[in-house]
Amino acid sequence: ECLSCNVSEKCLFNNAIFSPNGRYYISECLGPDIPTTYLLTVDDNKFIETLDINEELRKTFAKTSLPKIKYLTIRSDKGSDIRIELILPQLLIEDEDTKYPAVIELNNRPDVQSVNYEHRLDWSRYLTSKKDYITIHIDVKGTGYQGNRHMFAVIGELGKEEVQDLKYAITYLKKSLPYIDKDKIVVWGRDYGGFLTVSLLATEEIVTCAIAVTPIANWKNYMSVFSERYIGQPYSNFDINYQNSRLTQIIEQHFKNLKAKTFLLVHGTSDKRVNIDHSMNLMKTLTDKSVQFKVQLYPDSGVIESWDQSVRKHFYLTMEDFFAKCFQVEDEEEIDLLKNLTPWKKGVRKPKL
């Protein structure tokens, strides 16, 4: 039964807040349309009144060119559903020959859902609006809200099933969507997403550019409540699973695949969730195998959510610069600055006109 259909057909992502006496509830319609709040009865789901329609936000959006959102569900070669969210430039026309670079962001933990109908303004939408990149989210095995069988399919050996699904999904996007430039695709992720990013880059040829932010290199050195839930207790029969999921071992086995690829590693040195040792071990292994890579460390910075404004700005500008180099495009803002420079000759400054 659809409980939100009697208030709006565009209410596909919801939150409910119930009154203390259990007779009424507030329905927060959080997407895909601009968030709206309604009051309804519990017994018969009767609409009472609209509490908030975010009128000021609607006025702002009416004057703003926003990216288009497209959702896909494909069936993998192993029979599982892979859900994909495409954030497309406003001027993209699917029947034209114009091709756009693509940035794929991976989930930062296995039990979350990144492909949904929630209305949000995030960095992915900024990239699409500002840079005309297609930004993509992919829910593969291990993600939430698709049943326990789907979510717990990764138990035992993290990274194996997810990387296979990612390979299948990216291959599908390259072959089926002509407006994606198949030679200009970058993958990035943080924490668990950083782990998947390195695994995908090392074991598959499907992408050649990637950014790993605070990647988890060794699950024995990560939060035990998480590692033991998905892999089992270490120093037992599950120890082989810890070895197979260790990034340093994956790199040692597949380091030749990384030789011609472009890789950026980012980490805050005071991160207590994913200790800096994870990236240090990765850097040592990459160096031992003569794999070229770039690294960006943020001294005294903890988990990414706690970074101050200056560090956060530097981080996002660093990623934008990395994307531009991978896509071999020039930064328009930098070009504009160069155009505005006053020419000079022999120490005499030419006045601006």
Protein backbone atom coordinates (compact mmCIF):
# COMPACT_ATOMS: atom_id res chain seq x y z
CA GLU A 1 0.00 0.00 0.00
CA CYS A 2 1.26 3.46 -0.93
CA LEU A 3 0.84 5.70 2.14
CA SER A 4 2.13 8.84 0.44
CA CYS A 5 0.18 8.66 -2.82
CA ASN A 6 -2.81 10.56 -1.44
CA VAL A 7 -0.65 13.65 -0.81
CA SER A 8 1.78 13.59 -3.75
CA GLU A 9 2.82 11.28 -6.57
CA LYS A 10 6.32 12.74 -6.29
CA CYS A 11 6.76 11.59 -2.70
CA LEU A 12 9.09 8.62 -3.23
CA PHE A 13 11.54 9.17 -0.35
CA ASN A 14 9.84 9.57 3.03
CA ASN A 15 10.30 10.02 6.73
CA ALA A 16 7.51 9.75 9.32
CA ILE A 17 7.30 11.40 12.76
CA PHE A 18 4.48 10.17 15.01
CA SER A 19 2.64 12.17 17.65
CA PRO A 20 2.96 11.08 21.34
CA ASN A 21 -0.62 9.73 21.39
CA GLY A 22 -0.10 7.78 18.14
CA ARG A 23 -3.11 9.36 16.40
CA TYR A 24 -1.26 11.55 13.89
CA TYR A 25 1.99 11.55 12.01
CA ILE A 26 4.03 14.05 10.03
CA SER A 27 4.99 12.81 6.58
CA GLU A 28 8.22 14.37 5.35
CA CYS A 29 8.36 13.95 1.56
CA LEU A 30 12.08 14.32 0.98
CA GLY A 31 12.27 13.58 -2.74
CA PRO A 32 12.62 13.54 -5.62
CA ASP A 33 10.68 16.83 -5.58
CA ILE A 34 11.56 19.72 -3.25
CA PRO A 35 10.89 18.54 0.34
CA THR A 36 7.34 19.08 1.59
CA THR A 37 5.80 18.28 4.99
CA TYR A 38 2.23 17.01 5.56
CA LEU A 39 0.09 16.11 8.58
CA LEU A 40 -2.01 12.92 8.35
CA THR A 41 -3.99 10.60 10.62
CA VAL A 42 -2.65 7.19 11.54
CA ASP A 43 -5.91 5.18 11.46
CA ASP A 44 -7.13 5.96 7.96
CA ASN A 45 -4.15 7.90 6.53
CA LYS A 46 -6.39 10.94 6.03
CA PHE A 47 -4.72 14.14 4.85
CA ILE A 48 -5.22 17.04 7.31
CA GLU A 49 -2.99 19.88 6.15
CA THR A 50 0.26 20.89 4.47
CA LEU A 51 2.75 22.14 7.06
CA ASP A 52 5.61 23.34 4.87
CA ILE A 53 6.24 23.52 1.12
CA ASN A 54 9.67 25.23 1.21
CA GLU A 55 8.35 28.18 -0.75
CA GLU A 56 11.60 30.18 -0.71
CA LEU A 57 13.57 27.19 -1.97
CA ARG A 58 11.06 26.66 -4.77
CA LYS A 59 11.45 30.29 -5.86
CA THR A 60 15.21 29.90 -5.93
CA PHE A 61 15.07 26.66 -7.89
CA ALA A 62 12.66 28.19 -10.40
CA LYS A 63 15.50 30.50 -11.46
CA THR A 64 18.20 27.82 -11.37
CA SER A 65 19.29 25.37 -14.05
CA LEU A 66 19.58 22.03 -12.27
CA PRO A 67 21.00 18.76 -13.60
CA LYS A 68 18.72 15.98 -14.80
CA ILE A 69 18.47 12.71 -12.88
CA LYS A 70 18.10 9.32 -14.55
CA TYR A 71 17.69 5.95 -12.81
CA LEU A 72 18.57 2.55 -14.22
CA THR A 73 18.27 -1.00 -12.91
CA ILE A 74 20.25 -3.69 -14.71
CA ARG A 75 20.65 -7.39 -14.04
CA SER A 76 24.24 -8.57 -13.56
CA ASP A 77 25.65 -11.70 -15.16
CA LYS A 78 25.17 -13.42 -11.78
CA GLY A 79 21.50 -12.50 -11.55
CA SER A 80 21.59 -9.68 -8.99
CA ASP A 81 20.10 -6.23 -9.52
CA ILE A 82 22.45 -3.27 -9.89
CA ARG A 83 20.84 0.15 -9.41
CA ILE A 84 22.42 3.19 -11.06
CA GLU A 85 21.82 6.92 -10.64
CA LEU A 86 23.00 9.20 -13.46
CA ILE A 87 23.25 12.94 -12.80
CA LEU A 88 23.25 14.49 -16.26
CA PRO A 89 24.10 18.02 -17.48
CA GLN A 90 21.01 20.11 -18.17
CA LEU A 91 21.95 20.62 -21.83
CA LEU A 92 22.65 16.94 -22.52
CA ILE A 93 20.54 15.52 -25.35
CA GLU A 94 20.72 11.75 -25.49
CA ASP A 95 20.30 11.52 -29.28
CA GLU A 96 23.20 13.87 -30.05
CA ASP A 97 26.82 12.84 -30.60
CA THR A 98 28.26 14.96 -27.78
CA LYS A 99 30.15 12.88 -25.22
CA TYR A 100 30.71 13.79 -21.58
CA PRO A 101 33.33 12.65 -19.04
CA ALA A 102 31.99 10.61 -16.12
CA VAL A 103 32.83 10.58 -12.39
CA ILE A 104 31.72 7.52 -10.42
CA GLU A 105 31.44 7.82 -6.63
CA LEU A 106 31.46 4.57 -4.66
CA ASN A 107 29.67 3.94 -1.34
CA ASN A 108 31.60 4.61 1.86
CA ARG A 109 30.20 1.49 3.58
CA PRO A 110 28.51 -1.71 2.37
CA ASP A 111 25.11 -1.49 4.09
CA VAL A 112 24.05 1.95 2.84
CA GLN A 113 22.04 2.97 -0.21
CA SER A 114 23.32 5.76 -2.45
CA VAL A 115 20.83 5.31 -5.30
CA ASN A 116 17.50 6.63 -4.05
CA TYR A 117 14.95 9.38 -4.69
CA GLU A 118 16.09 11.74 -1.93
CA HIS A 119 16.24 15.37 -3.01
CA ARG A 120 19.72 16.72 -2.30
CA LEU A 121 22.27 19.27 -3.44
CA ASP A 122 25.71 17.74 -3.08
CA TRP A 123 29.14 17.83 -4.67
CA SER A 124 28.08 15.39 -7.39
CA ARG A 125 25.39 17.79 -8.57
CA TYR A 126 27.83 20.67 -8.37
CA LEU A 127 30.29 18.82 -10.63
CA THR A 128 27.57 18.17 -13.17
CA SER A 129 26.31 21.76 -13.13
CA LYS A 130 29.70 23.47 -13.06
CA LYS A 131 31.93 21.12 -15.06
CA ASP A 132 29.44 19.30 -17.30
CA TYR A 133 30.61 15.95 -15.96
CA ILE A 134 28.16 13.05 -15.71
CA THR A 135 28.29 11.93 -12.08
CA ILE A 136 27.22 8.40 -11.26
CA HIS A 137 26.30 6.39 -8.15
CA ILE A 138 26.06 2.60 -8.29
CA ASP A 139 24.44 0.26 -5.74
CA VAL A 140 26.01 -3.19 -6.09
CA LYS A 141 25.95 -6.27 -3.83
CA GLY A 142 26.22 -5.36 -0.17
CA THR A 143 24.15 -2.16 -0.36
CA GLY A 144 21.07 -1.72 1.81
CA TYR A 145 17.30 -1.66 1.27
CA GLN A 146 17.24 -4.44 -1.31
CA GLY A 147 16.79 -7.36 1.06
CA ASN A 148 19.11 -9.25 3.39
CA ARG A 149 20.26 -11.67 0.69
CA HIS A 150 21.54 -8.74 -1.37
CA MET A 151 23.07 -6.89 1.59
CA PHE A 152 24.87 -9.89 3.10
CA ALA A 153 26.10 -11.30 -0.23
CA VAL A 154 29.53 -9.79 0.48
CA ILE A 155 30.06 -11.53 3.82
CA GLY A 156 33.26 -13.54 3.98
CA GLU A 157 35.39 -11.71 1.45
CA LEU A 158 34.80 -7.98 1.12
CA GLY A 159 35.51 -6.51 -2.29
CA LYS A 160 35.20 -9.60 -4.47
CA GLU A 161 31.50 -9.50 -5.40
CA GLU A 162 31.35 -5.70 -5.38
CA VAL A 163 34.23 -5.30 -7.85
CA GLN A 164 32.64 -7.82 -10.23
CA ASP A 165 29.34 -5.92 -10.11
CA LEU A 166 31.12 -2.60 -10.65
CA LYS A 167 32.97 -4.01 -13.63
CA TYR A 168 29.69 -5.24 -15.12
CA ALA A 169 27.92 -1.94 -14.49
CA ILE A 170 30.70 0.25 -15.92
CA THR A 171 30.98 -2.01 -18.97
CA TYR A 172 27.23 -1.68 -19.48
CA LEU A 173 27.40 2.12 -19.21
CA LYS A 174 30.24 2.29 -21.73
CA LYS A 175 28.43 0.14 -24.27
CA SER A 176 24.83 1.28 -23.79
CA LEU A 177 25.04 5.03 -23.19
CA PRO A 178 26.62 6.78 -26.19
CA TYR A 179 26.79 10.15 -24.43
CA ILE A 180 29.37 8.83 -21.92
CA ASP A 181 32.96 9.18 -23.11
CA LYS A 182 34.25 5.68 -22.46
CA ASP A 183 37.87 6.91 -22.38
CA LYS A 184 37.19 9.54 -19.72
CA ILE A 185 35.88 7.80 -16.61
CA VAL A 186 37.19 8.38 -13.08
CA VAL A 187 36.26 6.38 -9.98
CA TRP A 188 36.62 7.70 -6.44
CA GLY A 189 35.53 6.71 -2.95
CA ARG A 190 36.40 7.11 0.72
CA ASP A 191 36.86 4.60 3.53
CA TYR A 192 35.21 1.41 2.24
CA GLY A 193 34.67 3.17 -1.10
CA GLY A 194 38.42 3.89 -1.17
CA PHE A 195 39.07 0.19 -0.59
CA LEU A 196 36.80 -0.69 -3.53
CA THR A 197 38.44 1.98 -5.68
CA VAL A 198 41.93 0.52 -5.21
CA SER A 199 40.64 -3.04 -5.70
CA LEU A 200 38.88 -2.10 -8.93
CA LEU A 201 41.86 -0.13 -10.26
CA ALA A 202 44.31 -2.95 -9.49
CA THR A 203 42.32 -5.96 -10.67
CA GLU A 204 40.39 -4.63 -13.68
CA GLU A 205 41.19 -2.70 -16.86
CA ILE A 206 37.81 -0.97 -16.95
CA VAL A 207 39.14 2.35 -15.52
CA THR A 208 42.54 4.06 -15.62
CA CYS A 209 42.06 7.01 -13.23
CA ALA A 210 41.01 6.84 -9.57
CA ILE A 211 41.10 8.65 -6.23
CA ALA A 212 41.13 6.71 -2.95
CA VAL A 213 40.35 8.78 0.15
CA THR A 214 41.30 7.15 3.47
CA PRO A 215 41.14 3.62 1.99
CA ILE A 216 40.93 0.67 4.37
CA ALA A 217 44.03 -1.36 3.53
CA ASN A 218 43.87 -4.02 6.24
CA TRP A 219 40.60 -5.05 7.86
CA LYS A 220 42.43 -6.36 10.94
CA ASN A 221 43.41 -2.76 11.67
CA TYR A 222 39.90 -1.37 11.18
CA MET A 223 36.97 -1.24 13.63
CA SER A 224 36.52 -4.78 14.91
CA VAL A 225 32.74 -4.45 15.23
CA PHE A 226 32.59 -3.86 11.47
CA SER A 227 35.33 -6.24 10.31
CA GLU A 228 34.10 -9.20 12.35
CA ARG A 229 30.52 -8.63 11.22
CA TYR A 230 31.44 -9.00 7.55
CA ILE A 231 34.57 -11.16 7.58
CA GLY A 232 34.54 -13.06 10.87
CA GLN A 233 36.93 -13.19 13.79
CA PRO A 234 40.63 -12.89 12.89
CA TYR A 235 43.18 -15.50 13.84
CA SER A 236 40.66 -18.25 13.15
CA ASN A 237 39.34 -20.12 10.12
CA PHE A 238 38.41 -16.71 8.69
CA ASP A 239 42.01 -15.47 8.58
CA ILE A 240 42.31 -16.37 4.88
CA ASN A 241 39.42 -13.99 4.19
CA TYR A 242 41.31 -11.17 5.89
CA GLN A 243 44.35 -11.93 3.75
CA ASN A 244 42.34 -11.98 0.51
CA SER A 245 40.73 -8.63 1.39
CA ARG A 246 44.03 -6.92 2.27
CA LEU A 247 44.83 -4.17 -0.24
CA THR A 248 48.59 -4.60 0.02
CA GLN A 249 48.23 -8.25 -1.05
CA ILE A 250 45.89 -7.29 -3.91
CA ILE A 251 48.44 -4.73 -5.13
CA GLU A 252 51.31 -7.22 -4.86
CA GLN A 253 49.36 -9.67 -7.03
CA HIS A 254 48.18 -7.14 -9.62
CA PHE A 255 50.77 -4.34 -9.51
CA LYS A 256 51.47 -4.62 -13.25
CA ASN A 257 47.89 -3.46 -13.92
CA LEU A 258 48.66 -0.23 -12.04
CA LYS A 259 51.76 0.72 -14.02
CA ALA A 260 49.98 2.76 -16.71
CA LYS A 261 47.22 4.13 -14.49
CA THR A 262 46.77 7.45 -12.67
CA PHE A 263 46.14 7.17 -8.96
CA LEU A 264 45.70 9.75 -6.17
CA LEU A 265 45.78 8.78 -2.50
CA VAL A 266 44.30 11.19 0.09
CA HIS A 267 44.40 10.87 3.88
CA GLY A 268 44.14 12.99 7.03
CA THR A 269 47.03 12.17 9.36
CA SER A 270 44.88 12.27 12.53
CA ASP A 271 42.06 10.10 11.22
CA LYS A 272 40.99 7.81 14.06
CA ARG A 273 38.47 5.83 12.01
CA VAL A 274 40.90 4.82 9.27
CA ASN A 275 44.35 5.27 10.76
CA ILE A 276 47.08 6.83 8.61
CA ASP A 277 48.93 3.46 8.80
CA HIS A 278 46.52 2.14 6.17
CA SER A 279 47.72 4.63 3.56
CA MET A 280 51.35 4.37 4.70
CA ASN A 281 51.31 0.63 4.08
CA LEU A 282 49.74 1.21 0.67
CA MET A 283 52.39 3.79 -0.19
CA LYS A 284 55.18 1.41 0.82
CA THR A 285 53.76 -1.43 -1.28
CA LEU A 286 53.23 0.82 -4.31
CA THR A 287 56.77 2.17 -3.95
CA ASP A 288 58.27 -1.31 -3.60
CA LYS A 289 56.51 -2.34 -6.81
CA SER A 290 57.63 0.85 -8.65
CA VAL A 291 54.06 2.01 -9.18
CA GLN A 292 53.82 5.77 -9.73
CA PHE A 293 51.12 7.55 -7.74
CA LYS A 294 50.24 10.91 -6.21
CA VAL A 295 49.49 11.53 -2.55
CA GLN A 296 47.80 14.35 -0.65
CA LEU A 297 48.10 14.32 3.14
CA TYR A 298 46.30 16.71 5.49
CA PRO A 299 48.30 17.17 8.71
CA ASP A 300 46.34 17.03 11.98
CA SER A 301 43.07 16.41 10.11
CA GLY A 302 40.80 13.65 11.37
CA VAL A 303 37.83 12.00 9.69
CA ILE A 304 36.61 13.82 6.60
CA GLU A 305 33.42 14.99 8.30
CA SER A 306 35.52 16.96 10.82
CA TRP A 307 37.76 18.76 8.31
CA ASP A 308 37.64 22.54 8.62
CA GLN A 309 36.58 24.74 5.73
CA SER A 310 40.06 25.46 4.39
CA VAL A 311 41.05 21.77 4.31
CA ARG A 312 37.74 20.78 2.78
CA LYS A 313 38.08 23.43 0.07
CA HIS A 314 41.64 22.33 -0.71
CA PHE A 315 40.49 18.71 -0.88
CA TYR A 316 37.70 19.34 -3.39
CA LEU A 317 39.88 21.64 -5.52
CA THR A 318 42.57 18.93 -5.54
CA MET A 319 40.04 16.39 -6.80
CA GLU A 320 38.72 18.78 -9.44
CA ASP A 321 42.26 19.37 -10.67
CA PHE A 322 42.87 15.62 -10.78
CA PHE A 323 39.67 15.06 -12.79
CA ALA A 324 40.67 17.77 -15.27
CA LYS A 325 44.08 16.15 -15.81
CA CYS A 326 42.53 12.70 -16.27
CA PHE A 327 40.00 14.10 -18.73
CA GLN A 328 42.64 16.31 -20.37
CA VAL A 329 40.46 19.40 -20.16
CA GLU A 330 41.47 22.93 -19.27
CA ASP A 331 40.04 24.70 -16.26
CA GLU A 332 37.80 27.51 -17.52
CA GLU A 333 38.36 29.63 -14.41
CA GLU A 334 42.13 29.40 -14.88
CA ILE A 335 41.78 30.43 -18.53
CA ASP A 336 39.66 33.42 -17.53
CA LEU A 337 42.30 34.52 -15.03
CA LEU A 338 45.00 34.33 -17.67
CA LYS A 339 42.91 36.40 -20.08
CA ASN A 340 42.54 39.14 -17.47
CA LEU A 341 46.28 39.49 -16.83
CA THR A 342 47.71 42.85 -17.92
CA PRO A 343 50.38 42.36 -20.62
CA TRP A 344 53.78 43.95 -20.01
CA LYS A 345 57.03 44.57 -21.87
CA LYS A 346 60.49 45.74 -20.75
CA GLY A 347 59.27 46.63 -17.30
CA VAL A 348 56.60 49.03 -18.59
CA ARG A 349 53.10 48.07 -17.54
CA LYS A 350 50.45 48.55 -20.19
CA PRO A 351 47.32 50.19 -18.74
CA LYS A 352 44.02 48.33 -18.91
CA LEU A 353 41.50 49.59 -21.46
